[in-house]
């Protein structure tokens, strides 16, 4: 028997319950992610950015991309 020859099963109440449960889980997840308490403000770290920029410049200079 191949996959193409199988007939689809009718979706019953069990399928509807699974879909409803998954929708509720997704809604809860979205509500948590959109709440103001879930978002954390990150502080900008200027010295770290400068250090990373210098590291990248030095690496590119050493491999010959920048002269």
C-alpha atoms as a PDB file:
ATOM      1  CA  UNK A   1       0.000   0.000   0.000  1.00  0.00           C
ATOM      2  CA  UNK A   2       1.375   3.405  -0.893  1.00  0.00           C
ATOM      3  CA  UNK A   3       0.725   6.696   0.765  1.00  0.00           C
ATOM      4  CA  UNK A   4      -1.135   7.978  -2.298  1.00  0.00           C
ATOM      5  CA  UNK A   5      -3.637   5.128  -2.196  1.00  0.00           C
ATOM      6  CA  UNK A   6      -4.622   5.638   1.431  1.00  0.00           C
ATOM      7  CA  UNK A   7      -7.847   7.481   2.042  1.00  0.00           C
ATOM      8  CA  UNK A   8      -7.839  10.356   4.508  1.00  0.00           C
ATOM      9  CA  UNK A   9      -9.561   9.641   7.784  1.00  0.00           C
ATOM     10  CA  UNK A  10     -12.407  11.904   8.791  1.00  0.00           C
ATOM     11  CA  UNK A  11     -11.429  14.337  11.500  1.00  0.00           C
ATOM     12  CA  UNK A  12     -13.313  13.778  14.678  1.00  0.00           C
ATOM     13  CA  UNK A  13     -13.819  15.389  18.041  1.00  0.00           C
ATOM     14  CA  UNK A  14     -10.348  14.338  19.189  1.00  0.00           C
ATOM     15  CA  UNK A  15      -8.761  16.389  16.403  1.00  0.00           C
ATOM     16  CA  UNK A  16     -10.868  19.419  17.325  1.00  0.00           C
ATOM     17  CA  UNK A  17      -9.806  19.139  20.971  1.00  0.00           C
ATOM     18  CA  UNK A  18      -6.138  18.993  19.957  1.00  0.00           C
ATOM     19  CA  UNK A  19      -6.494  22.047  17.748  1.00  0.00           C
ATOM     20  CA  UNK A  20      -8.348  23.975  20.452  1.00  0.00           C
ATOM     21  CA  UNK A  21      -5.726  23.059  23.049  1.00  0.00           C
ATOM     22  CA  UNK A  22      -2.901  24.143  20.743  1.00  0.00           C
ATOM     23  CA  UNK A  23      -4.649  27.445  19.972  1.00  0.00           C
ATOM     24  CA  UNK A  24      -5.015  28.137  23.696  1.00  0.00           C
ATOM     25  CA  UNK A  25      -1.331  27.379  24.310  1.00  0.00           C
ATOM     26  CA  UNK A  26      -0.303  29.726  21.510  1.00  0.00           C
ATOM     27  CA  UNK A  27      -2.582  32.484  22.800  1.00  0.00           C
ATOM     28  CA  UNK A  28      -1.094  32.188  26.306  1.00  0.00           C
ATOM     29  CA  UNK A  29       2.400  32.291  24.878  1.00  0.00           C
ATOM     30  CA  UNK A  30       1.601  35.420  22.861  1.00  0.00           C
ATOM     31  CA  UNK A  31       0.031  37.126  25.859  1.00  0.00           C
ATOM     32  CA  UNK A  32       3.132  36.445  27.940  1.00  0.00           C
ATOM     33  CA  UNK A  33       5.476  37.734  25.265  1.00  0.00           C
ATOM     34  CA  UNK A  34       3.473  40.929  24.755  1.00  0.00           C
ATOM     35  CA  UNK A  35       3.117  41.792  28.421  1.00  0.00           C
ATOM     36  CA  UNK A  36       5.284  44.711  29.602  1.00  0.00           C
ATOM     37  CA  UNK A  37       6.901  42.636  32.338  1.00  0.00           C
ATOM     38  CA  UNK A  38       8.201  40.085  29.876  1.00  0.00           C
ATOM     39  CA  UNK A  39      10.283  42.618  27.993  1.00  0.00           C
ATOM     40  CA  UNK A  40      13.605  43.475  29.513  1.00  0.00           C
ATOM     41  CA  UNK A  41      15.466  46.566  28.520  1.00  0.00           C
ATOM     42  CA  UNK A  42      19.067  45.929  27.637  1.00  0.00           C
ATOM     43  CA  UNK A  43      21.560  48.620  28.382  1.00  0.00           C
ATOM     44  CA  UNK A  44      23.753  49.844  25.576  1.00  0.00           C
ATOM     45  CA  UNK A  45      27.395  49.033  26.232  1.00  0.00           C
ATOM     46  CA  UNK A  46      29.458  51.491  24.180  1.00  0.00           C
ATOM     47  CA  UNK A  47      32.927  50.350  25.318  1.00  0.00           C
ATOM     48  CA  UNK A  48      32.107  46.735  24.477  1.00  0.00           C
ATOM     49  CA  UNK A  49      30.927  47.780  21.009  1.00  0.00           C
ATOM     50  CA  UNK A  50      34.174  49.716  20.471  1.00  0.00           C
ATOM     51  CA  UNK A  51      36.248  46.707  21.574  1.00  0.00           C
ATOM     52  CA  UNK A  52      34.395  44.359  19.232  1.00  0.00           C
ATOM     53  CA  UNK A  53      34.780  46.831  16.371  1.00  0.00           C
ATOM     54  CA  UNK A  54      38.528  47.044  16.998  1.00  0.00           C
ATOM     55  CA  UNK A  55      38.807  43.243  17.179  1.00  0.00           C
ATOM     56  CA  UNK A  56      37.028  42.838  13.844  1.00  0.00           C
ATOM     57  CA  UNK A  57      39.142  45.544  12.209  1.00  0.00           C
ATOM     58  CA  UNK A  58      42.359  43.954  13.473  1.00  0.00           C
ATOM     59  CA  UNK A  59      41.296  40.486  12.310  1.00  0.00           C
ATOM     60  CA  UNK A  60      40.344  41.735   8.839  1.00  0.00           C
ATOM     61  CA  UNK A  61      43.623  43.647   8.597  1.00  0.00           C
ATOM     62  CA  UNK A  62      45.629  40.552   9.524  1.00  0.00           C
ATOM     63  CA  UNK A  63      43.961  38.341   6.895  1.00  0.00           C
ATOM     64  CA  UNK A  64      44.456  40.995   4.230  1.00  0.00           C
ATOM     65  CA  UNK A  65      40.989  42.396   3.645  1.00  0.00           C
ATOM     66  CA  UNK A  66      41.976  45.862   4.862  1.00  0.00           C
ATOM     67  CA  UNK A  67      45.347  47.482   4.202  1.00  0.00           C
END
